């Protein structure tokens, strides 16, 4: 019985350590799938009309602030 419990403890600790990696991998695959779908939809949609097309948003860049670690 002790051997079974030892194996069970080791397997549960491995699952506890590996769970964040598996969740992250699943999330990355979902994001990749969404990006591929968006790219495919953008290619099939064709170029937008110039009158009704949205203008790209340009944001002002913030000045680079040095980190305390790089002083």
PDB file of N, CA and C in Angstrom:
ATOM      1  N   UNK A   1       0.818  -1.187   0.000  1.00  0.00           N
ATOM      2  CA  UNK A   1       0.000   0.000   0.000  1.00  0.00           C
ATOM      3  C   UNK A   1       0.870   1.261   0.000  1.00  0.00           C
ATOM      4  N   UNK A   2       2.001   1.208   0.710  1.00  0.00           N
ATOM      5  CA  UNK A   2       2.876   2.367   0.749  1.00  0.00           C
ATOM      6  C   UNK A   2       3.447   2.679  -0.621  1.00  0.00           C
ATOM      7  N   UNK A   3       3.755   1.658  -1.387  1.00  0.00           N
ATOM      8  CA  UNK A   3       4.293   1.873  -2.725  1.00  0.00           C
ATOM      9  C   UNK A   3       3.275   2.581  -3.600  1.00  0.00           C
ATOM     10  N   UNK A   4       2.017   2.157  -3.513  1.00  0.00           N
ATOM     11  CA  UNK A   4       0.963   2.804  -4.292  1.00  0.00           C
ATOM     12  C   UNK A   4       0.819   4.268  -3.885  1.00  0.00           C
ATOM     13  N   UNK A   5       0.838   4.547  -2.598  1.00  0.00           N
ATOM     14  CA  UNK A   5       0.715   5.936  -2.129  1.00  0.00           C
ATOM     15  C   UNK A   5       1.920   6.767  -2.567  1.00  0.00           C
ATOM     16  N   UNK A   6       3.099   6.164  -2.559  1.00  0.00           N
ATOM     17  CA  UNK A   6       4.280   6.891  -3.022  1.00  0.00           C
ATOM     18  C   UNK A   6       4.150   7.265  -4.492  1.00  0.00           C
ATOM     19  N   UNK A   7       3.701   6.303  -5.315  1.00  0.00           N
ATOM     20  CA  UNK A   7       3.499   6.592  -6.728  1.00  0.00           C
ATOM     21  C   UNK A   7       2.419   7.651  -6.923  1.00  0.00           C
ATOM     22  N   UNK A   8       1.369   7.573  -6.123  1.00  0.00           N
ATOM     23  CA  UNK A   8       0.281   8.543  -6.217  1.00  0.00           C
ATOM     24  C   UNK A   8       0.760   9.958  -5.860  1.00  0.00           C
ATOM     25  N   UNK A   9       1.588  10.069  -4.845  1.00  0.00           N
ATOM     26  CA  UNK A   9       2.130  11.370  -4.447  1.00  0.00           C
ATOM     27  C   UNK A   9       3.028  11.934  -5.540  1.00  0.00           C
ATOM     28  N   UNK A  10       3.884  11.091  -6.105  1.00  0.00           N
ATOM     29  CA  UNK A  10       4.780  11.544  -7.168  1.00  0.00           C
ATOM     30  C   UNK A  10       3.984  11.970  -8.393  1.00  0.00           C
ATOM     31  N   UNK A  11       2.969  11.202  -8.762  1.00  0.00           N
ATOM     32  CA  UNK A  11       2.148  11.544  -9.925  1.00  0.00           C
ATOM     33  C   UNK A  11       1.375  12.837  -9.686  1.00  0.00           C
ATOM     34  N   UNK A  12       0.864  13.039  -8.487  1.00  0.00           N
ATOM     35  CA  UNK A  12       0.116  14.264  -8.202  1.00  0.00           C
ATOM     36  C   UNK A  12       1.041  15.486  -8.180  1.00  0.00           C
ATOM     37  N   UNK A  13       2.241  15.340  -7.662  1.00  0.00           N
ATOM     38  CA  UNK A  13       3.190  16.457  -7.687  1.00  0.00           C
ATOM     39  C   UNK A  13       3.604  16.787  -9.118  1.00  0.00           C
ATOM     40  N   UNK A  14       3.807  15.764  -9.937  1.00  0.00           N
ATOM     41  CA  UNK A  14       4.132  16.007 -11.340  1.00  0.00           C
ATOM     42  C   UNK A  14       2.984  16.735 -12.034  1.00  0.00           C
ATOM     43  N   UNK A  15       1.747  16.317 -11.771  1.00  0.00           N
ATOM     44  CA  UNK A  15       0.584  16.979 -12.373  1.00  0.00           C
ATOM     45  C   UNK A  15       0.484  18.426 -11.892  1.00  0.00           C
ATOM     46  N   UNK A  16       0.788  18.657 -10.634  1.00  0.00           N
ATOM     47  CA  UNK A  16       0.734  20.017 -10.085  1.00  0.00           C
ATOM     48  C   UNK A  16       1.781  20.914 -10.742  1.00  0.00           C
ATOM     49  N   UNK A  17       2.948  20.380 -11.011  1.00  0.00           N
ATOM     50  CA  UNK A  17       4.016  21.166 -11.639  1.00  0.00           C
ATOM     51  C   UNK A  17       3.751  21.350 -13.134  1.00  0.00           C
ATOM     52  N   UNK A  18       3.213  20.333 -13.790  1.00  0.00           N
ATOM     53  CA  UNK A  18       3.012  20.387 -15.238  1.00  0.00           C
ATOM     54  C   UNK A  18       1.732  21.105 -15.640  1.00  0.00           C
ATOM     55  N   UNK A  19       0.794  21.292 -14.730  1.00  0.00           N
ATOM     56  CA  UNK A  19      -0.494  21.898 -15.071  1.00  0.00           C
ATOM     57  C   UNK A  19      -0.358  23.307 -15.669  1.00  0.00           C
ATOM     58  N   UNK A  20       0.445  24.218 -15.107  1.00  0.00           N
ATOM     59  CA  UNK A  20       0.550  25.546 -15.719  1.00  0.00           C
ATOM     60  C   UNK A  20       1.111  25.510 -17.139  1.00  0.00           C
ATOM     61  N   UNK A  21       2.027  24.598 -17.394  1.00  0.00           N
ATOM     62  CA  UNK A  21       2.586  24.484 -18.745  1.00  0.00           C
ATOM     63  C   UNK A  21       1.529  23.996 -19.726  1.00  0.00           C
ATOM     64  N   UNK A  22       0.723  23.051 -19.311  1.00  0.00           N
ATOM     65  CA  UNK A  22      -0.323  22.521 -20.190  1.00  0.00           C
ATOM     66  C   UNK A  22      -1.381  23.581 -20.448  1.00  0.00           C
ATOM     67  N   UNK A  23      -1.755  24.329 -19.424  1.00  0.00           N
ATOM     68  CA  UNK A  23      -2.742  25.399 -19.592  1.00  0.00           C
ATOM     69  C   UNK A  23      -2.182  26.478 -20.517  1.00  0.00           C
ATOM     70  N   UNK A  24      -0.925  26.842 -20.352  1.00  0.00           N
ATOM     71  CA  UNK A  24      -0.303  27.836 -21.221  1.00  0.00           C
ATOM     72  C   UNK A  24      -0.217  27.366 -22.657  1.00  0.00           C
ATOM     73  N   UNK A  25       0.096  26.102 -22.857  1.00  0.00           N
ATOM     74  CA  UNK A  25       0.156  25.548 -24.209  1.00  0.00           C
ATOM     75  C   UNK A  25      -1.213  25.589 -24.872  1.00  0.00           C
ATOM     76  N   UNK A  26      -2.251  25.240 -24.138  1.00  0.00           N
ATOM     77  CA  UNK A  26      -3.613  25.282 -24.689  1.00  0.00           C
ATOM     78  C   UNK A  26      -4.005  26.715 -25.039  1.00  0.00           C
ATOM     79  N   UNK A  27      -3.619  27.660 -24.198  1.00  0.00           N
ATOM     80  CA  UNK A  27      -3.934  29.072 -24.469  1.00  0.00           C
ATOM     81  C   UNK A  27      -3.200  29.564 -25.706  1.00  0.00           C
ATOM     82  N   UNK A  28      -1.931  29.207 -25.851  1.00  0.00           N
ATOM     83  CA  UNK A  28      -1.153  29.597 -27.035  1.00  0.00           C
ATOM     84  C   UNK A  28      -1.755  29.027 -28.307  1.00  0.00           C
ATOM     85  N   UNK A  29      -2.188  27.771 -28.255  1.00  0.00           N
ATOM     86  CA  UNK A  29      -2.801  27.159 -29.434  1.00  0.00           C
ATOM     87  C   UNK A  29      -4.098  27.866 -29.804  1.00  0.00           C
ATOM     88  N   UNK A  30      -4.882  28.263 -28.798  1.00  0.00           N
ATOM     89  CA  UNK A  30      -6.128  28.982 -29.071  1.00  0.00           C
ATOM     90  C   UNK A  30      -5.845  30.333 -29.709  1.00  0.00           C
ATOM     91  N   UNK A  31      -4.860  31.044 -29.194  1.00  0.00           N
ATOM     92  CA  UNK A  31      -4.502  32.352 -29.743  1.00  0.00           C
ATOM     93  C   UNK A  31      -3.996  32.206 -31.171  1.00  0.00           C
ATOM     94  N   UNK A  32      -3.153  31.204 -31.419  1.00  0.00           N
ATOM     95  CA  UNK A  32      -2.654  30.966 -32.780  1.00  0.00           C
ATOM     96  C   UNK A  32      -3.803  30.659 -33.732  1.00  0.00           C
ATOM     97  N   UNK A  33      -4.753  29.866 -33.282  1.00  0.00           N
ATOM     98  CA  UNK A  33      -5.899  29.525 -34.121  1.00  0.00           C
ATOM     99  C   UNK A  33      -6.724  30.771 -34.437  1.00  0.00           C
ATOM    100  N   UNK A  34      -6.920  31.639 -33.454  1.00  0.00           N
ATOM    101  CA  UNK A  34      -7.676  32.873 -33.686  1.00  0.00           C
ATOM    102  C   UNK A  34      -6.937  33.798 -34.645  1.00  0.00           C
ATOM    103  N   UNK A  35      -5.615  33.882 -34.512  1.00  0.00           N
ATOM    104  CA  UNK A  35      -4.843  34.737 -35.416  1.00  0.00           C
ATOM    105  C   UNK A  35      -4.885  34.210 -36.849  1.00  0.00           C
ATOM    106  N   UNK A  36      -4.761  32.887 -37.014  1.00  0.00           N
ATOM    107  CA  UNK A  36      -4.861  32.317 -38.365  1.00  0.00           C
ATOM    108  C   UNK A  36      -6.226  32.576 -38.983  1.00  0.00           C
ATOM    109  N   UNK A  37      -7.280  32.445 -38.182  1.00  0.00           N
ATOM    110  CA  UNK A  37      -8.629  32.691 -38.675  1.00  0.00           C
ATOM    111  C   UNK A  37      -8.798  34.161 -39.076  1.00  0.00           C
ATOM    112  N   UNK A  38      -8.278  35.074 -38.269  1.00  0.00           N
ATOM    113  CA  UNK A  38      -8.383  36.499 -38.582  1.00  0.00           C
ATOM    114  C   UNK A  38      -7.598  36.835 -39.848  1.00  0.00           C
ATOM    115  N   UNK A  39      -6.425  36.224 -40.000  1.00  0.00           N
ATOM    116  CA  UNK A  39      -5.625  36.470 -41.201  1.00  0.00           C
ATOM    117  C   UNK A  39      -6.342  35.938 -42.445  1.00  0.00           C
ATOM    118  N   UNK A  40      -6.938  34.754 -42.312  1.00  0.00           N
ATOM    119  CA  UNK A  40      -7.665  34.184 -43.441  1.00  0.00           C
ATOM    120  C   UNK A  40      -8.874  35.053 -43.814  1.00  0.00           C
ATOM    121  N   UNK A  41      -9.575  35.569 -42.808  1.00  0.00           N
ATOM    122  CA  UNK A  41     -10.739  36.415 -43.070  1.00  0.00           C
ATOM    123  C   UNK A  41     -10.302  37.736 -43.710  1.00  0.00           C
ATOM    124  N   UNK A  42      -9.155  38.274 -43.303  1.00  0.00           N
ATOM    125  CA  UNK A  42      -8.670  39.532 -43.877  1.00  0.00           C
ATOM    126  C   UNK A  42      -8.259  39.329 -45.329  1.00  0.00           C
ATOM    127  N   UNK A  43      -7.679  38.167 -45.653  1.00  0.00           N
ATOM    128  CA  UNK A  43      -7.277  37.909 -47.039  1.00  0.00           C
ATOM    129  C   UNK A  43      -8.481  37.736 -47.948  1.00  0.00           C
ATOM    130  N   UNK A  44      -9.513  37.062 -47.462  1.00  0.00           N
ATOM    131  CA  UNK A  44     -10.682  36.811 -48.307  1.00  0.00           C
ATOM    132  C   UNK A  44     -11.579  38.038 -48.416  1.00  0.00           C
ATOM    133  N   UNK A  45     -11.489  38.967 -47.468  1.00  0.00           N
ATOM    134  CA  UNK A  45     -12.361  40.144 -47.485  1.00  0.00           C
ATOM    135  C   UNK A  45     -11.946  41.114 -48.579  1.00  0.00           C
ATOM    136  N   UNK A  46     -10.684  41.170 -48.919  1.00  0.00           N
ATOM    137  CA  UNK A  46     -10.208  42.094 -49.932  1.00  0.00           C
ATOM    138  C   UNK A  46      -9.937  43.469 -49.339  1.00  0.00           C
ATOM    139  N   UNK A  47      -9.482  44.391 -50.196  1.00  0.00           N
ATOM    140  CA  UNK A  47      -9.153  45.720 -49.680  1.00  0.00           C
ATOM    141  C   UNK A  47     -10.428  46.500 -49.328  1.00  0.00           C
ATOM    142  N   UNK A  48     -10.404  47.293 -48.272  1.00  0.00           N
ATOM    143  CA  UNK A  48     -11.577  48.077 -47.891  1.00  0.00           C
ATOM    144  C   UNK A  48     -11.774  49.260 -48.849  1.00  0.00           C
ATOM    145  N   UNK A  49     -12.997  49.722 -48.912  1.00  0.00           N
ATOM    146  CA  UNK A  49     -13.267  50.913 -49.734  1.00  0.00           C
ATOM    147  C   UNK A  49     -12.681  52.132 -49.048  1.00  0.00           C
ATOM    148  N   UNK A  50     -12.232  53.098 -49.837  1.00  0.00           N
ATOM    149  CA  UNK A  50     -11.530  54.236 -49.263  1.00  0.00           C
ATOM    150  C   UNK A  50     -12.452  55.175 -48.501  1.00  0.00           C
ATOM    151  N   UNK A  51     -13.709  55.324 -48.924  1.00  0.00           N
ATOM    152  CA  UNK A  51     -14.600  56.257 -48.231  1.00  0.00           C
ATOM    153  C   UNK A  51     -14.995  55.760 -46.852  1.00  0.00           C
ATOM    154  N   UNK A  52     -15.409  54.502 -46.743  1.00  0.00           N
ATOM    155  CA  UNK A  52     -15.902  53.987 -45.478  1.00  0.00           C
ATOM    156  C   UNK A  52     -14.838  53.310 -44.644  1.00  0.00           C
ATOM    157  N   UNK A  53     -13.616  53.288 -45.128  1.00  0.00           N
ATOM    158  CA  UNK A  53     -12.565  52.572 -44.406  1.00  0.00           C
ATOM    159  C   UNK A  53     -12.154  53.339 -43.152  1.00  0.00           C
ATOM    160  N   UNK A  54     -11.877  52.607 -42.122  1.00  0.00           N
ATOM    161  CA  UNK A  54     -11.427  53.221 -40.876  1.00  0.00           C
ATOM    162  C   UNK A  54      -9.970  53.634 -41.021  1.00  0.00           C
ATOM    163  N   UNK A  55      -9.629  54.744 -40.429  1.00  0.00           N
ATOM    164  CA  UNK A  55      -8.261  55.225 -40.452  1.00  0.00           C
ATOM    165  C   UNK A  55      -7.466  54.508 -39.364  1.00  0.00           C
ATOM    166  N   UNK A  56      -6.221  54.176 -39.620  1.00  0.00           N
ATOM    167  CA  UNK A  56      -5.426  53.503 -38.591  1.00  0.00           C
ATOM    168  C   UNK A  56      -5.180  54.430 -37.403  1.00  0.00           C
ATOM    169  N   UNK A  57      -5.167  53.836 -36.248  1.00  0.00           N
ATOM    170  CA  UNK A  57      -4.952  54.595 -35.027  1.00  0.00           C
ATOM    171  C   UNK A  57      -3.454  54.655 -34.758  1.00  0.00           C
ATOM    172  N   UNK A  58      -2.937  55.856 -34.596  1.00  0.00           N
ATOM    173  CA  UNK A  58      -1.528  56.010 -34.259  1.00  0.00           C
ATOM    174  C   UNK A  58      -1.440  56.622 -32.875  1.00  0.00           C
ATOM    175  N   UNK A  59      -0.687  55.995 -32.027  1.00  0.00           N
ATOM    176  CA  UNK A  59      -0.534  56.471 -30.658  1.00  0.00           C
ATOM    177  C   UNK A  59       0.827  57.119 -30.517  1.00  0.00           C
ATOM    178  N   UNK A  60       0.890  58.152 -29.691  1.00  0.00           N
ATOM    179  CA  UNK A  60       2.162  58.806 -29.420  1.00  0.00           C
ATOM    180  C   UNK A  60       3.015  57.873 -28.559  1.00  0.00           C
ATOM    181  N   UNK A  61       4.280  57.775 -28.869  1.00  0.00           N
ATOM    182  CA  UNK A  61       5.174  56.912 -28.108  1.00  0.00           C
ATOM    183  C   UNK A  61       5.608  57.617 -26.838  1.00  0.00           C
ATOM    184  N   UNK A  62       5.691  56.863 -25.788  1.00  0.00           N
ATOM    185  CA  UNK A  62       6.162  57.412 -24.519  1.00  0.00           C
ATOM    186  C   UNK A  62       7.680  57.517 -24.557  1.00  0.00           C
ATOM    187  N   UNK A  63       8.221  58.515 -23.908  1.00  0.00           N
ATOM    188  CA  UNK A  63       9.689  58.575 -23.847  1.00  0.00           C
ATOM    189  C   UNK A  63      10.211  57.423 -22.991  1.00  0.00           C
ATOM    190  N   UNK A  64      11.372  56.935 -23.341  1.00  0.00           N
ATOM    191  CA  UNK A  64      11.971  55.826 -22.623  1.00  0.00           C
ATOM    192  C   UNK A  64      12.457  56.296 -21.266  1.00  0.00           C
ATOM    193  N   UNK A  65      11.965  55.639 -20.222  1.00  0.00           N
ATOM    194  CA  UNK A  65      12.401  55.966 -18.856  1.00  0.00           C
ATOM    195  C   UNK A  65      13.345  54.858 -18.412  1.00  0.00           C
ATOM    196  N   UNK A  66      14.471  55.260 -17.907  1.00  0.00           N
ATOM    197  CA  UNK A  66      15.451  54.266 -17.497  1.00  0.00           C
ATOM    198  C   UNK A  66      14.986  53.532 -16.253  1.00  0.00           C
ATOM    199  N   UNK A  67      15.278  52.286 -16.224  1.00  0.00           N
ATOM    200  CA  UNK A  67      14.934  51.462 -15.083  1.00  0.00           C
ATOM    201  C   UNK A  67      15.937  51.716 -13.963  1.00  0.00           C
ATOM    202  N   UNK A  68      15.514  51.469 -12.735  1.00  0.00           N
ATOM    203  CA  UNK A  68      16.430  51.663 -11.613  1.00  0.00           C
ATOM    204  C   UNK A  68      17.589  50.677 -11.692  1.00  0.00           C
ATOM    205  N   UNK A  69      17.385  49.544 -12.386  1.00  0.00           N
ATOM    206  CA  UNK A  69      18.439  48.543 -12.474  1.00  0.00           C
ATOM    207  C   UNK A  69      19.524  48.941 -13.477  1.00  0.00           C
ATOM    208  N   UNK A  70      19.220  49.898 -14.349  1.00  0.00           N
ATOM    209  CA  UNK A  70      20.184  50.281 -15.399  1.00  0.00           C
ATOM    210  C   UNK A  70      20.901  51.598 -15.090  1.00  0.00           C
ATOM    211  N   UNK A  71      20.754  52.089 -13.912  1.00  0.00           N
ATOM    212  CA  UNK A  71      21.375  53.397 -13.584  1.00  0.00           C
ATOM    213  C   UNK A  71      22.869  53.263 -13.481  1.00  0.00           C
TER     214      UNK A  71
END
